[in-house]
C-alpha atoms as a PDB file:
ATOM      1  CA  MET A   1     111.603  83.786 108.856  1.00  0.00           C
ATOM      2  CA  CYS A   2     112.158  86.861 111.151  1.00  0.00           C
ATOM      3  CA  PRO A   3     115.727  87.857 111.816  1.00  0.00           C
ATOM      4  CA  GLN A   4     117.231  86.846 115.040  1.00  0.00           C
ATOM      5  CA  HIS A   5     117.453  89.724 117.360  1.00  0.00           C
ATOM      6  CA  PRO A   6     120.096  90.004 120.271  1.00  0.00           C
ATOM      7  CA  GLU A   7     118.801  89.772 123.873  1.00  0.00           C
ATOM      8  CA  PRO A   8     117.481  93.184 125.317  1.00  0.00           C
ATOM      9  CA  VAL A   9     120.456  94.945 127.137  1.00  0.00           C
ATOM     10  CA  PRO A  10     119.503  96.441 130.477  1.00  0.00           C
ATOM     11  CA  LEU A  11     119.603 100.137 130.782  1.00  0.00           C
ATOM     12  CA  ALA A  12     121.108 101.666 133.863  1.00  0.00           C
ATOM     13  CA  HIS A  13     118.539 104.443 134.699  1.00  0.00           C
ATOM     14  CA  PRO A  14     118.417 107.278 135.468  1.00  0.00           C
ATOM     15  CA  VAL A  15     120.937 108.357 132.800  1.00  0.00           C
ATOM     16  CA  PRO A  16     121.454 112.067 133.379  1.00  0.00           C
ATOM     17  CA  VAL A  17     120.935 113.203 129.829  1.00  0.00           C
ATOM     18  CA  LEU A  18     117.870 110.847 129.456  1.00  0.00           C
ATOM     19  CA  LYS A  19     116.376 112.005 132.705  1.00  0.00           C
ATOM     20  CA  GLU A  20     116.609 115.705 131.575  1.00  0.00           C
ATOM     21  CA  ALA A  21     114.951 114.726 128.266  1.00  0.00           C
ATOM     22  CA  LEU A  22     112.172 113.086 129.887  1.00  0.00           C
ATOM     23  CA  GLU A  23     111.485 115.989 132.162  1.00  0.00           C
ATOM     24  CA  LYS A  24     111.216 118.114 129.093  1.00  0.00           C
ATOM     25  CA  VAL A  25     108.818 115.735 127.608  1.00  0.00           C
ATOM     26  CA  GLU A  26     106.755 115.929 130.742  1.00  0.00           C
ATOM     27  CA  ARG A  27     106.661 119.733 130.757  1.00  0.00           C
ATOM     28  CA  ILE A  28     105.632 119.715 126.957  1.00  0.00           C
ATOM     29  CA  LEU A  29     102.773 117.227 127.609  1.00  0.00           C
ATOM     30  CA  ARG A  30     101.519 119.220 130.622  1.00  0.00           C
ATOM     31  CA  GLN A  31     101.512 122.330 128.411  1.00  0.00           C
ATOM     32  CA  ALA A  32      99.700 120.463 125.594  1.00  0.00           C
ATOM     33  CA  LEU A  33      96.715 119.894 127.998  1.00  0.00           C
ATOM     34  CA  SER A  34      95.907 123.551 127.699  1.00  0.00           C
ATOM     35  CA  ALA A  35      94.712 123.085 124.150  1.00  0.00           C
ATOM     36  CA  PRO A  36      90.921 123.276 123.822  1.00  0.00           C
ATOM     37  CA  GLY A  37      89.202 119.927 123.584  1.00  0.00           C
ATOM     38  CA  LEU A  38      92.008 117.797 125.039  1.00  0.00           C
ATOM     39  CA  ALA A  39      90.789 116.348 128.249  1.00  0.00           C
ATOM     40  CA  ALA A  40      93.430 113.900 129.316  1.00  0.00           C
ATOM     41  CA  MET A  41      96.665 112.094 128.048  1.00  0.00           C
ATOM     42  CA  SER A  42      98.683 109.102 129.100  1.00  0.00           C
ATOM     43  CA  ALA A  43     102.190 108.401 127.778  1.00  0.00           C
ATOM     44  CA  VAL A  44     104.951 105.840 128.402  1.00  0.00           C
ATOM     45  CA  VAL A  45     108.617 105.475 127.398  1.00  0.00           C
ATOM     46  CA  ILE A  46     109.983 102.002 127.124  1.00  0.00           C
ATOM     47  CA  HIS A  47     113.359 100.806 126.518  1.00  0.00           C
ATOM     48  CA  ASN A  48     113.677  96.934 125.728  1.00  0.00           C
ATOM     49  CA  ASP A  49     111.686  95.450 128.414  1.00  0.00           C
ATOM     50  CA  THR A  50     111.960  98.334 130.999  1.00  0.00           C
ATOM     51  CA  VAL A  51     109.525 101.242 131.537  1.00  0.00           C
ATOM     52  CA  LEU A  52     111.620 104.320 131.799  1.00  0.00           C
ATOM     53  CA  TRP A  53     108.864 106.861 132.387  1.00  0.00           C
ATOM     54  CA  THR A  54     105.018 107.141 132.556  1.00  0.00           C
ATOM     55  CA  GLY A  55     102.918 110.310 132.678  1.00  0.00           C
ATOM     56  CA  ASN A  56      99.189 110.933 133.131  1.00  0.00           C
ATOM     57  CA  PHE A  57      97.780 114.188 132.618  1.00  0.00           C
ATOM     58  CA  GLY A  58      94.454 116.047 132.678  1.00  0.00           C
ATOM     59  CA  LYS A  59      91.089 114.664 134.050  1.00  0.00           C
ATOM     60  CA  LYS A  60      89.656 111.165 133.525  1.00  0.00           C
ATOM     61  CA  ASN A  61      86.189 112.981 133.112  1.00  0.00           C
ATOM     62  CA  GLY A  62      86.483 116.259 131.291  1.00  0.00           C
ATOM     63  CA  SER A  63      83.028 117.347 132.228  1.00  0.00           C
ATOM     64  CA  ASP A  64      83.430 116.894 135.838  1.00  0.00           C
ATOM     65  CA  PRO A  65      85.771 119.514 137.537  1.00  0.00           C
ATOM     66  CA  ALA A  66      86.134 117.127 140.506  1.00  0.00           C
ATOM     67  CA  SER A  67      87.512 114.244 138.372  1.00  0.00           C
ATOM     68  CA  GLY A  68      91.083 112.840 139.067  1.00  0.00           C
ATOM     69  CA  PRO A  69      93.715 112.357 136.526  1.00  0.00           C
ATOM     70  CA  PRO A  70      93.860 109.176 134.342  1.00  0.00           C
ATOM     71  CA  ASN A  71      95.957 106.156 135.371  1.00  0.00           C
ATOM     72  CA  GLU A  72      97.291 102.972 133.686  1.00  0.00           C
ATOM     73  CA  TYR A  73      93.704 101.508 133.910  1.00  0.00           C
ATOM     74  CA  THR A  74      91.963 104.273 132.162  1.00  0.00           C
ATOM     75  CA  MET A  75      90.104 103.395 129.220  1.00  0.00           C
ATOM     76  CA  TYR A  76      90.608 105.504 126.034  1.00  0.00           C
ATOM     77  CA  ARG A  77      88.396 105.284 122.970  1.00  0.00           C
ATOM     78  CA  SER A  78      89.921 104.748 119.611  1.00  0.00           C
ATOM     79  CA  ALA A  79      91.536 108.028 119.106  1.00  0.00           C
ATOM     80  CA  GLY A  80      93.510 107.369 122.339  1.00  0.00           C
ATOM     81  CA  ILE A  81      96.036 105.232 120.360  1.00  0.00           C
ATOM     82  CA  SER A  82      95.124 106.936 117.025  1.00  0.00           C
ATOM     83  CA  SER A  83      97.642 105.998 114.201  1.00  0.00           C
ATOM     84  CA  VAL A  84      99.577 103.597 116.469  1.00  0.00           C
ATOM     85  CA  SER A  85      96.758 101.135 115.247  1.00  0.00           C
ATOM     86  CA  LYS A  86      98.572 101.386 111.908  1.00  0.00           C
ATOM     87  CA  ILE A  87     100.983  98.846 113.200  1.00  0.00           C
ATOM     88  CA  PHE A  88      98.280  96.161 113.334  1.00  0.00           C
ATOM     89  CA  PRO A  89      97.655  95.735 109.485  1.00  0.00           C
ATOM     90  CA  VAL A  90     101.551  95.825 109.023  1.00  0.00           C
ATOM     91  CA  LEU A  91     101.875  92.990 111.481  1.00  0.00           C
ATOM     92  CA  MET A  92      99.116  91.185 109.621  1.00  0.00           C
ATOM     93  CA  LEU A  93     100.926  91.822 106.283  1.00  0.00           C
ATOM     94  CA  TYR A  94     104.312  90.316 107.537  1.00  0.00           C
ATOM     95  CA  ARG A  95     102.535  87.329 109.202  1.00  0.00           C
ATOM     96  CA  LEU A  96     100.544  86.407 106.099  1.00  0.00           C
ATOM     97  CA  TRP A  97     103.890  86.797 104.072  1.00  0.00           C
ATOM     98  CA  GLU A  98     105.528  84.301 106.446  1.00  0.00           C
ATOM     99  CA  GLU A  99     102.483  81.879 106.140  1.00  0.00           C
ATOM    100  CA  GLY A 100     102.709  82.028 102.297  1.00  0.00           C
ATOM    101  CA  ILE A 101      99.276  83.675 101.907  1.00  0.00           C
ATOM    102  CA  VAL A 102     100.801  86.823 100.707  1.00  0.00           C
ATOM    103  CA  ALA A 103     103.373  85.731  97.794  1.00  0.00           C
ATOM    104  CA  SER A 104     105.432  88.974  97.916  1.00  0.00           C
ATOM    105  CA  LEU A 105     105.390  92.336  99.736  1.00  0.00           C
ATOM    106  CA  ASP A 106     105.629  93.866  96.460  1.00  0.00           C
ATOM    107  CA  ASP A 107     102.429  92.316  95.088  1.00  0.00           C
ATOM    108  CA  PRO A 108     100.138  94.851  93.534  1.00  0.00           C
ATOM    109  CA  LEU A 109      96.856  95.424  95.570  1.00  0.00           C
ATOM    110  CA  GLU A 110      94.695  94.102  92.925  1.00  0.00           C
ATOM    111  CA  ARG A 111      96.311  90.667  93.307  1.00  0.00           C
ATOM    112  CA  TYR A 112      94.143  90.533  96.575  1.00  0.00           C
ATOM    113  CA  ALA A 113      91.357  92.784  95.472  1.00  0.00           C
ATOM    114  CA  SER A 114      90.662  92.151  91.783  1.00  0.00           C
ATOM    115  CA  SER A 115      88.333  95.210  91.532  1.00  0.00           C
ATOM    116  CA  PHE A 116      90.825  97.751  92.737  1.00  0.00           C
ATOM    117  CA  THR A 117      91.558 100.418  90.228  1.00  0.00           C
ATOM    118  CA  ILE A 118      92.353 104.165  90.549  1.00  0.00           C
ATOM    119  CA  ASN A 119      93.493 106.879  88.031  1.00  0.00           C
ATOM    120  CA  ASN A 120      97.071 107.820  88.239  1.00  0.00           C
ATOM    121  CA  PRO A 121      97.586 111.261  86.296  1.00  0.00           C
ATOM    122  CA  LEU A 122     101.018 112.021  87.960  1.00  0.00           C
ATOM    123  CA  GLY A 123     103.627 109.864  86.337  1.00  0.00           C
ATOM    124  CA  MET A 124     104.297 106.315  85.284  1.00  0.00           C
ATOM    125  CA  ALA A 125     106.136 104.885  88.283  1.00  0.00           C
ATOM    126  CA  PRO A 126     107.020 101.272  87.357  1.00  0.00           C
ATOM    127  CA  ALA A 127     105.601  98.526  89.476  1.00  0.00           C
ATOM    128  CA  PRO A 128     108.302  96.304  91.149  1.00  0.00           C
ATOM    129  CA  LYS A 129     109.345  93.419  89.034  1.00  0.00           C
ATOM    130  CA  GLN A 130     107.714  90.127  89.887  1.00  0.00           C
ATOM    131  CA  GLN A 131     109.576  86.923  89.246  1.00  0.00           C
ATOM    132  CA  SER A 132     107.532  84.312  87.284  1.00  0.00           C
ATOM    133  CA  LEU A 133     107.876  80.717  86.218  1.00  0.00           C
ATOM    134  CA  MET A 134     107.021  81.823  82.823  1.00  0.00           C
ATOM    135  CA  ASP A 135     110.012  84.473  82.506  1.00  0.00           C
ATOM    136  CA  GLY A 136     111.792  83.813  79.252  1.00  0.00           C
ATOM    137  CA  LEU A 137     108.935  81.942  77.587  1.00  0.00           C
ATOM    138  CA  GLU A 138     107.001  83.502  74.676  1.00  0.00           C
ATOM    139  CA  GLU A 139     103.887  85.483  75.990  1.00  0.00           C
ATOM    140  CA  VAL A 140     100.483  84.634  74.504  1.00  0.00           C
ATOM    141  CA  GLY A 141      98.685  88.039  74.274  1.00  0.00           C
ATOM    142  CA  PRO A 142      99.531  91.196  76.086  1.00  0.00           C
ATOM    143  CA  ALA A 143      99.776  90.836  79.915  1.00  0.00           C
ATOM    144  CA  PRO A 144      98.031  93.369  81.940  1.00  0.00           C
ATOM    145  CA  ARG A 145     100.305  95.834  83.602  1.00  0.00           C
ATOM    146  CA  PRO A 146     100.325  95.547  87.381  1.00  0.00           C
ATOM    147  CA  SER A 147      99.280  98.517  89.551  1.00  0.00           C
ATOM    148  CA  PRO A 148     102.200 100.471  91.260  1.00  0.00           C
ATOM    149  CA  VAL A 149     100.020 100.552  94.517  1.00  0.00           C
ATOM    150  CA  THR A 150     101.751  97.530  96.125  1.00  0.00           C
ATOM    151  CA  LEU A 151     101.425  96.219  99.589  1.00  0.00           C
ATOM    152  CA  ARG A 152     104.768  97.373 100.602  1.00  0.00           C
ATOM    153  CA  ARG A 153     104.014 100.813  99.542  1.00  0.00           C
ATOM    154  CA  MET A 154     100.655 100.913 101.322  1.00  0.00           C
ATOM    155  CA  ALA A 155     102.436 100.031 104.439  1.00  0.00           C
ATOM    156  CA  SER A 156     105.133 102.659 104.059  1.00  0.00           C
ATOM    157  CA  GLN A 157     102.997 105.732 103.215  1.00  0.00           C
ATOM    158  CA  LEU A 158     104.276 105.493  99.571  1.00  0.00           C
ATOM    159  CA  SER A 159     101.244 104.208  97.838  1.00  0.00           C
ATOM    160  CA  GLY A 160     100.078 107.675  96.567  1.00  0.00           C
ATOM    161  CA  LEU A 161      96.478 106.875  97.892  1.00  0.00           C
ATOM    162  CA  PRO A 162      94.577 109.738  99.188  1.00  0.00           C
ATOM    163  CA  ARG A 163      94.415 110.390 102.837  1.00  0.00           C
ATOM    164  CA  ARG A 164      90.748 109.372 103.104  1.00  0.00           C
ATOM    165  CA  LEU A 165      88.016 108.066 100.884  1.00  0.00           C
ATOM    166  CA  ARG A 166      86.328 110.870  99.016  1.00  0.00           C
ATOM    167  CA  SER A 167      82.665 111.778  99.133  1.00  0.00           C
ATOM    168  CA  THR A 168      82.121 110.106 102.371  1.00  0.00           C
ATOM    169  CA  SER A 169      81.719 111.075 106.017  1.00  0.00           C
ATOM    170  CA  LEU A 170      82.078 109.478 109.430  1.00  0.00           C
ATOM    171  CA  LEU A 171      78.497 108.372 109.395  1.00  0.00           C
ATOM    172  CA  TRP A 172      78.753 106.556 106.061  1.00  0.00           C
ATOM    173  CA  ARG A 173      78.248 102.875 106.707  1.00  0.00           C
ATOM    174  CA  GLY A 174      79.835 100.887 103.955  1.00  0.00           C
ATOM    175  CA  SER A 175      82.039  97.898 103.081  1.00  0.00           C
ATOM    176  CA  THR A 176      85.387  97.332 101.529  1.00  0.00           C
ATOM    177  CA  GLN A 177      83.881  96.442  98.154  1.00  0.00           C
ATOM    178  CA  GLU A 178      81.995  99.779  98.364  1.00  0.00           C
ATOM    179  CA  ALA A 179      85.126 101.655  99.250  1.00  0.00           C
ATOM    180  CA  LEU A 180      86.933 100.046  96.239  1.00  0.00           C
ATOM    181  CA  SER A 181      84.074 101.094  93.943  1.00  0.00           C
ATOM    182  CA  LEU A 182      84.474 104.737  95.027  1.00  0.00           C
ATOM    183  CA  LEU A 183      88.129 104.656  94.305  1.00  0.00           C
ATOM    184  CA  LYS A 184      87.623 103.868  90.584  1.00  0.00           C
ATOM    185  CA  ASP A 185      86.562 107.510  90.089  1.00  0.00           C
ATOM    186  CA  ASP A 186      89.366 108.708  92.499  1.00  0.00           C
ATOM    187  CA  VAL A 187      92.841 109.740  91.609  1.00  0.00           C
ATOM    188  CA  LEU A 188      96.195 109.184  93.214  1.00  0.00           C
ATOM    189  CA  VAL A 189      97.682 112.163  94.989  1.00  0.00           C
ATOM    190  CA  ALA A 190     101.210 111.032  94.437  1.00  0.00           C
ATOM    191  CA  ASP A 191     102.904 108.767  92.035  1.00  0.00           C
ATOM    192  CA  PRO A 192     103.468 105.506  94.019  1.00  0.00           C
ATOM    193  CA  GLY A 193     106.888 104.875  95.213  1.00  0.00           C
ATOM    194  CA  THR A 194     108.156 108.383  94.515  1.00  0.00           C
ATOM    195  CA  ARG A 195     106.925 110.556  97.330  1.00  0.00           C
ATOM    196  CA  CYS A 196     105.682 110.067 100.887  1.00  0.00           C
ATOM    197  CA  HIS A 197     102.010 110.881 101.367  1.00  0.00           C
ATOM    198  CA  TYR A 198     100.207 110.272 104.640  1.00  0.00           C
ATOM    199  CA  SER A 199      97.148 107.938 103.971  1.00  0.00           C
ATOM    200  CA  THR A 200      94.954 106.441 106.487  1.00  0.00           C
ATOM    201  CA  LEU A 201      92.875 104.850 103.700  1.00  0.00           C
ATOM    202  CA  ALA A 202      95.972 102.898 102.578  1.00  0.00           C
ATOM    203  CA  PHE A 203      96.211 101.187 105.852  1.00  0.00           C
ATOM    204  CA  SER A 204      92.541 100.610 106.201  1.00  0.00           C
ATOM    205  CA  LEU A 205      92.420  99.023 102.729  1.00  0.00           C
ATOM    206  CA  LEU A 206      95.388  96.986 103.459  1.00  0.00           C
ATOM    207  CA  ALA A 207      93.760  95.681 106.639  1.00  0.00           C
ATOM    208  CA  HIS A 208      90.431  94.770 105.422  1.00  0.00           C
ATOM    209  CA  VAL A 209      91.625  93.498 101.857  1.00  0.00           C
ATOM    210  CA  LEU A 210      94.181  91.205 103.507  1.00  0.00           C
ATOM    211  CA  ALA A 211      91.875  90.053 106.395  1.00  0.00           C
ATOM    212  CA  ALA A 212      89.433  88.475 103.693  1.00  0.00           C
ATOM    213  CA  HIS A 213      92.286  86.165 102.878  1.00  0.00           C
ATOM    214  CA  THR A 214      92.687  84.868 106.502  1.00  0.00           C
ATOM    215  CA  ALA A 215      90.895  81.999 108.094  1.00  0.00           C
ATOM    216  CA  GLN A 216      89.069  84.447 110.277  1.00  0.00           C
ATOM    217  CA  GLY A 217      87.881  86.462 107.459  1.00  0.00           C
ATOM    218  CA  ASP A 218      87.513  89.484 109.588  1.00  0.00           C
ATOM    219  CA  TYR A 219      90.030  92.185 110.438  1.00  0.00           C
ATOM    220  CA  GLN A 220      88.983  92.806 114.032  1.00  0.00           C
ATOM    221  CA  ARG A 221      88.871  89.116 114.818  1.00  0.00           C
ATOM    222  CA  TRP A 222      92.319  88.532 113.418  1.00  0.00           C
ATOM    223  CA  VAL A 223      93.912  91.476 115.410  1.00  0.00           C
ATOM    224  CA  SER A 224      92.173  90.220 118.593  1.00  0.00           C
ATOM    225  CA  GLU A 225      93.347  86.551 118.142  1.00  0.00           C
ATOM    226  CA  ASN A 226      96.841  87.391 116.808  1.00  0.00           C
ATOM    227  CA  VAL A 227      97.927  90.516 118.579  1.00  0.00           C
ATOM    228  CA  LEU A 228      95.814  91.585 121.567  1.00  0.00           C
ATOM    229  CA  GLU A 229      95.119  88.195 123.237  1.00  0.00           C
ATOM    230  CA  PRO A 230      98.714  86.870 122.979  1.00  0.00           C
ATOM    231  CA  LEU A 231      99.932  90.258 124.597  1.00  0.00           C
ATOM    232  CA  GLY A 232      97.227  89.868 127.217  1.00  0.00           C
ATOM    233  CA  MET A 233      95.724  93.290 126.237  1.00  0.00           C
ATOM    234  CA  ALA A 234      92.242  92.517 127.698  1.00  0.00           C
ATOM    235  CA  ASP A 235      91.410  95.986 127.844  1.00  0.00           C
ATOM    236  CA  THR A 236      92.060  96.999 124.305  1.00  0.00           C
ATOM    237  CA  GLY A 237      89.585  96.239 121.540  1.00  0.00           C
ATOM    238  CA  PHE A 238      87.459  97.746 118.870  1.00  0.00           C
ATOM    239  CA  ASP A 239      84.027  97.992 120.700  1.00  0.00           C
ATOM    240  CA  LEU A 240      83.120  99.545 124.074  1.00  0.00           C
ATOM    241  CA  THR A 241      80.922  97.134 126.007  1.00  0.00           C
ATOM    242  CA  PRO A 242      78.892  97.522 129.363  1.00  0.00           C
ATOM    243  CA  PRO A 243      81.679  96.053 131.454  1.00  0.00           C
ATOM    244  CA  HIS A 244      83.924  98.998 130.433  1.00  0.00           C
ATOM    245  CA  GLY A 245      81.289 101.343 131.748  1.00  0.00           C
ATOM    246  CA  GLN A 246      80.687 103.471 128.551  1.00  0.00           C
ATOM    247  CA  LEU A 247      77.876 102.792 125.974  1.00  0.00           C
ATOM    248  CA  VAL A 248      77.655 106.139 124.014  1.00  0.00           C
ATOM    249  CA  ARG A 249      80.613 107.478 121.786  1.00  0.00           C
ATOM    250  CA  PHE A 250      80.728 111.205 121.015  1.00  0.00           C
ATOM    251  CA  TYR A 251      82.418 112.741 118.066  1.00  0.00           C
ATOM    252  CA  PRO A 252      82.753 116.325 116.992  1.00  0.00           C
ATOM    253  CA  LEU A 253      80.630 117.064 113.900  1.00  0.00           C
ATOM    254  CA  ASP A 254      80.716 120.243 111.895  1.00  0.00           C
ATOM    255  CA  ARG A 255      77.614 121.819 110.273  1.00  0.00           C
ATOM    256  CA  ARG A 256      77.725 119.503 107.248  1.00  0.00           C
ATOM    257  CA  GLY A 257      77.697 116.572 109.515  1.00  0.00           C
ATOM    258  CA  LEU A 258      81.461 115.707 108.935  1.00  0.00           C
ATOM    259  CA  SER A 259      83.869 114.779 111.531  1.00  0.00           C
ATOM    260  CA  PRO A 260      87.321 116.126 110.326  1.00  0.00           C
ATOM    261  CA  GLY A 261      89.312 114.311 113.112  1.00  0.00           C
ATOM    262  CA  PHE A 262      88.449 110.778 111.963  1.00  0.00           C
ATOM    263  CA  ASP A 263      90.028 109.561 108.396  1.00  0.00           C
ATOM    264  CA  VAL A 264      88.525 106.136 108.223  1.00  0.00           C
ATOM    265  CA  PRO A 265      85.075 106.507 106.724  1.00  0.00           C
ATOM    266  CA  GLY A 266      83.633 103.606 104.884  1.00  0.00           C
ATOM    267  CA  LEU A 267      85.813 100.889 106.443  1.00  0.00           C
ATOM    268  CA  ASN A 268      84.806 101.173 110.005  1.00  0.00           C
ATOM    269  CA  THR A 269      81.120 101.299 111.496  1.00  0.00           C
ATOM    270  CA  TYR A 270      80.452 103.846 114.104  1.00  0.00           C
ATOM    271  CA  ARG A 271      77.268 103.937 116.272  1.00  0.00           C
ATOM    272  CA  VAL A 272      76.653 107.702 116.678  1.00  0.00           C
ATOM    273  CA  LEU A 273      73.942 109.263 118.827  1.00  0.00           C
ATOM    274  CA  ARG A 274      73.038 112.871 117.923  1.00  0.00           C
ATOM    275  CA  LEU A 275      72.350 114.995 120.948  1.00  0.00           C
ATOM    276  CA  LEU A 276      70.979 118.589 120.924  1.00  0.00           C
ATOM    277  CA  ARG A 277      73.758 119.847 123.544  1.00  0.00           C
ATOM    278  CA  LYS A 278      77.013 118.537 125.000  1.00  0.00           C
ATOM    279  CA  PRO A 279      76.273 116.019 127.802  1.00  0.00           C
ATOM    280  CA  VAL A 280      77.717 116.319 131.213  1.00  0.00           C
ATOM    281  CA  PHE A 281      78.575 113.233 133.300  1.00  0.00           C
ATOM    282  CA  GLN A 282      79.454 112.717 136.884  1.00  0.00           C
ATOM    283  CA  THR A 283      82.166 110.552 137.890  1.00  0.00           C
ATOM    284  CA  GLN A 284      81.145 107.458 139.570  1.00  0.00           C
END
C-alpha cells in the first residue's frame, strides 16, 4: 500500500557547495563539544544509499583524560539517538494501518485506549469525519463525540498533549494504564489540529497503546522484530546488557530527584543506582 519510489540516484561527490556545507557542520559540532556535560558525539550524513560524511567528536570515556574519540562501534545510551526514536511508533502506526489493525490514521486515540480522556479548555477543534456504514440512517440515541486527539495528530506534534506526564519523575515506575489515569485530570496545552506543540508523551502513548493491539503485545519486542532485526541493527536496543560492557546507567538528578533531560516518565522503566558522588571509570 506504500507508494512506489524511484530508484536512488547516485550523487557525484564531493559537490563543492555540499563539501563546504559539511565542513561547516563539522566545525559547528566540534564547537558544541565545549558545552558542559557533553562528552562525545557521532554524526552521519547519508544521501540515498551513500554515506557522504561521518564525524566522531569528543571522548569515548568522558571521565578518562586518555580516552580516545568514539567511532562507528561506540555504544551510546538511549539519549544517543534521543527523539530519532520517535520514528519507531510512527512506523508502527503505518504498518498496523496497512495490516488493517488500525482502521484509519484519523481514528481518535480512545478507539484503541477506551479509558483515555483529557480536558480541553482551549477550543472545540472538530475531530476528523469518520465514514460509517450507518451514515444516512436514523440514529438511536446520542452518539459520543470522538476525541480530537487522533493518531495522525499524535504522530505529527499536533495532538495538543502536554510535553510530559504531569506529577511524575524519571523514577516513577508505572504502566500505560496508570499514565492514562493521570491524564484524566490533566489538560491539553493546545487545541488539537490547530497548533504544533512538542510532546514526547504523545509518541510514548502512541507506541504503547498501539503495541497492545499487536501479536507481540509489547512495544520493545515489536520494534526489535520489525525494525531493528530486519535492518541488522544488532547493537541497538532498549536495554544495556553485560556483553555491551555497561551495567550501570547514570542520569542527572536535581535536588527534587527529577531528571529534566528525560521526558518519558511513566511509560519507560529505568533502573537507577544512586551514588554519593560522580564515579570515575578507567578505559579498558
